[in-house]
Amino acid sequence: MSVVVVDDKYRVHLPRRVRERIGISKGSRLLIIPFHEGLILIALKGKKFAGYLRDFVYDEEAHEATKYLFRGRA
């Protein structure tokens, strides 16, 4: 995990070790899934998700990561 900062142009710099670990570089496309107090980034790596997530509903209360990250605040 890494902590990053949003700059004055709303950009986020991904640390080198994170980029190398998941194999992303300049121009890589990332899918953003927003949820309560946060977001999830997924590297597309050539995958096409158009239409696949149309009916996707993220159940924050049931997700294990939400229970860990936001315990007592969610």
C-alpha atoms as a PDB file:
ATOM      1  CA  MET A   1       0.000   0.000   0.000  1.00  0.00           C
ATOM      2  CA  SER A   2       1.043   3.586  -0.539  1.00  0.00           C
ATOM      3  CA  VAL A   3      -0.245   6.977   0.487  1.00  0.00           C
ATOM      4  CA  VAL A   4      -0.382   9.490  -2.370  1.00  0.00           C
ATOM      5  CA  VAL A   5      -1.310  13.177  -2.566  1.00  0.00           C
ATOM      6  CA  VAL A   6      -3.711  14.854  -4.997  1.00  0.00           C
ATOM      7  CA  ASP A   7      -1.952  17.907  -6.495  1.00  0.00           C
ATOM      8  CA  ASP A   8      -3.444  21.297  -7.383  1.00  0.00           C
ATOM      9  CA  LYS A   9      -4.552  19.936 -10.792  1.00  0.00           C
ATOM     10  CA  TYR A  10      -6.269  16.907  -9.154  1.00  0.00           C
ATOM     11  CA  ARG A  11      -3.557  14.500 -10.325  1.00  0.00           C
ATOM     12  CA  VAL A  12      -2.173  11.588  -8.340  1.00  0.00           C
ATOM     13  CA  HIS A  13       1.382  10.299  -8.746  1.00  0.00           C
ATOM     14  CA  LEU A  14       1.632   6.522  -8.490  1.00  0.00           C
ATOM     15  CA  PRO A  15       4.907   5.423  -6.896  1.00  0.00           C
ATOM     16  CA  ARG A  16       7.370   3.494  -9.077  1.00  0.00           C
ATOM     17  CA  ARG A  17       7.137   0.298  -7.028  1.00  0.00           C
ATOM     18  CA  VAL A  18       3.338   0.289  -7.439  1.00  0.00           C
ATOM     19  CA  ARG A  19       3.556   0.937 -11.203  1.00  0.00           C
ATOM     20  CA  GLU A  20       6.148  -1.792 -11.660  1.00  0.00           C
ATOM     21  CA  ARG A  21       4.261  -4.280  -9.517  1.00  0.00           C
ATOM     22  CA  ILE A  22       1.042  -3.996 -11.533  1.00  0.00           C
ATOM     23  CA  GLY A  23       2.710  -3.310 -14.872  1.00  0.00           C
ATOM     24  CA  ILE A  24       1.407   0.116 -15.809  1.00  0.00           C
ATOM     25  CA  SER A  25       3.219   2.880 -17.686  1.00  0.00           C
ATOM     26  CA  LYS A  26       2.477   6.196 -19.415  1.00  0.00           C
ATOM     27  CA  GLY A  27      -0.787   5.948 -21.295  1.00  0.00           C
ATOM     28  CA  SER A  28      -2.054   2.921 -19.366  1.00  0.00           C
ATOM     29  CA  ARG A  29      -5.806   2.946 -18.883  1.00  0.00           C
ATOM     30  CA  LEU A  30      -7.237   2.529 -15.392  1.00  0.00           C
ATOM     31  CA  LEU A  31     -10.820   1.793 -14.415  1.00  0.00           C
ATOM     32  CA  ILE A  32     -12.009   3.880 -11.437  1.00  0.00           C
ATOM     33  CA  ILE A  33     -14.734   2.514  -9.177  1.00  0.00           C
ATOM     34  CA  PRO A  34     -15.859   5.153  -6.664  1.00  0.00           C
ATOM     35  CA  PHE A  35     -17.293   4.134  -3.306  1.00  0.00           C
ATOM     36  CA  HIS A  36     -17.957   5.678   0.089  1.00  0.00           C
ATOM     37  CA  GLU A  37     -14.919   7.807   1.032  1.00  0.00           C
ATOM     38  CA  GLY A  38     -12.648   6.263  -1.593  1.00  0.00           C
ATOM     39  CA  LEU A  39     -12.042   4.635  -4.916  1.00  0.00           C
ATOM     40  CA  ILE A  40     -10.633   1.497  -6.465  1.00  0.00           C
ATOM     41  CA  LEU A  41      -8.249   1.651  -9.456  1.00  0.00           C
ATOM     42  CA  ILE A  42      -7.948  -1.336 -11.775  1.00  0.00           C
ATOM     43  CA  ALA A  43      -5.385  -1.511 -14.591  1.00  0.00           C
ATOM     44  CA  LEU A  44      -7.227  -2.456 -17.774  1.00  0.00           C
ATOM     45  CA  LYS A  45      -4.138  -3.857 -19.568  1.00  0.00           C
ATOM     46  CA  GLY A  46      -5.878  -4.107 -22.918  1.00  0.00           C
ATOM     47  CA  LYS A  47      -9.148  -5.416 -21.507  1.00  0.00           C
ATOM     48  CA  LYS A  48     -12.352  -3.807 -22.687  1.00  0.00           C
ATOM     49  CA  PHE A  49     -14.894  -3.286 -19.935  1.00  0.00           C
ATOM     50  CA  ALA A  50     -17.505  -1.357 -21.940  1.00  0.00           C
ATOM     51  CA  GLY A  51     -20.830  -2.833 -20.944  1.00  0.00           C
ATOM     52  CA  TYR A  52     -19.431  -5.365 -18.486  1.00  0.00           C
ATOM     53  CA  LEU A  53     -20.026  -3.192 -15.427  1.00  0.00           C
ATOM     54  CA  ARG A  54     -23.266  -1.556 -16.567  1.00  0.00           C
ATOM     55  CA  ASP A  55     -25.300  -3.235 -13.794  1.00  0.00           C
ATOM     56  CA  PHE A  56     -22.441  -3.466 -11.307  1.00  0.00           C
ATOM     57  CA  VAL A  57     -23.420  -2.477  -7.776  1.00  0.00           C
ATOM     58  CA  TYR A  58     -20.693  -2.341  -5.160  1.00  0.00           C
ATOM     59  CA  ASP A  59     -22.067  -3.356  -1.756  1.00  0.00           C
ATOM     60  CA  GLU A  60     -19.715  -1.504   0.577  1.00  0.00           C
ATOM     61  CA  GLU A  61     -21.247  -2.839   3.759  1.00  0.00           C
ATOM     62  CA  ALA A  62     -20.659  -6.448   2.694  1.00  0.00           C
ATOM     63  CA  HIS A  63     -17.107  -5.977   1.400  1.00  0.00           C
ATOM     64  CA  GLU A  64     -14.325  -7.187   3.678  1.00  0.00           C
ATOM     65  CA  ALA A  65     -11.969  -4.301   2.786  1.00  0.00           C
ATOM     66  CA  THR A  66     -14.610  -1.756   3.802  1.00  0.00           C
ATOM     67  CA  LYS A  67     -14.982  -3.419   7.183  1.00  0.00           C
ATOM     68  CA  TYR A  68     -11.218  -3.160   7.712  1.00  0.00           C
ATOM     69  CA  LEU A  69     -10.590   0.317   6.299  1.00  0.00           C
ATOM     70  CA  PHE A  70     -13.585   2.160   7.689  1.00  0.00           C
ATOM     71  CA  ARG A  71     -14.448   0.304  10.876  1.00  0.00           C
ATOM     72  CA  GLY A  72     -16.233   2.630  13.200  1.00  0.00           C
ATOM     73  CA  ARG A  73     -16.708   5.265  10.453  1.00  0.00           C
ATOM     74  CA  ALA A  74     -18.799   3.501   7.798  1.00  0.00           C
END
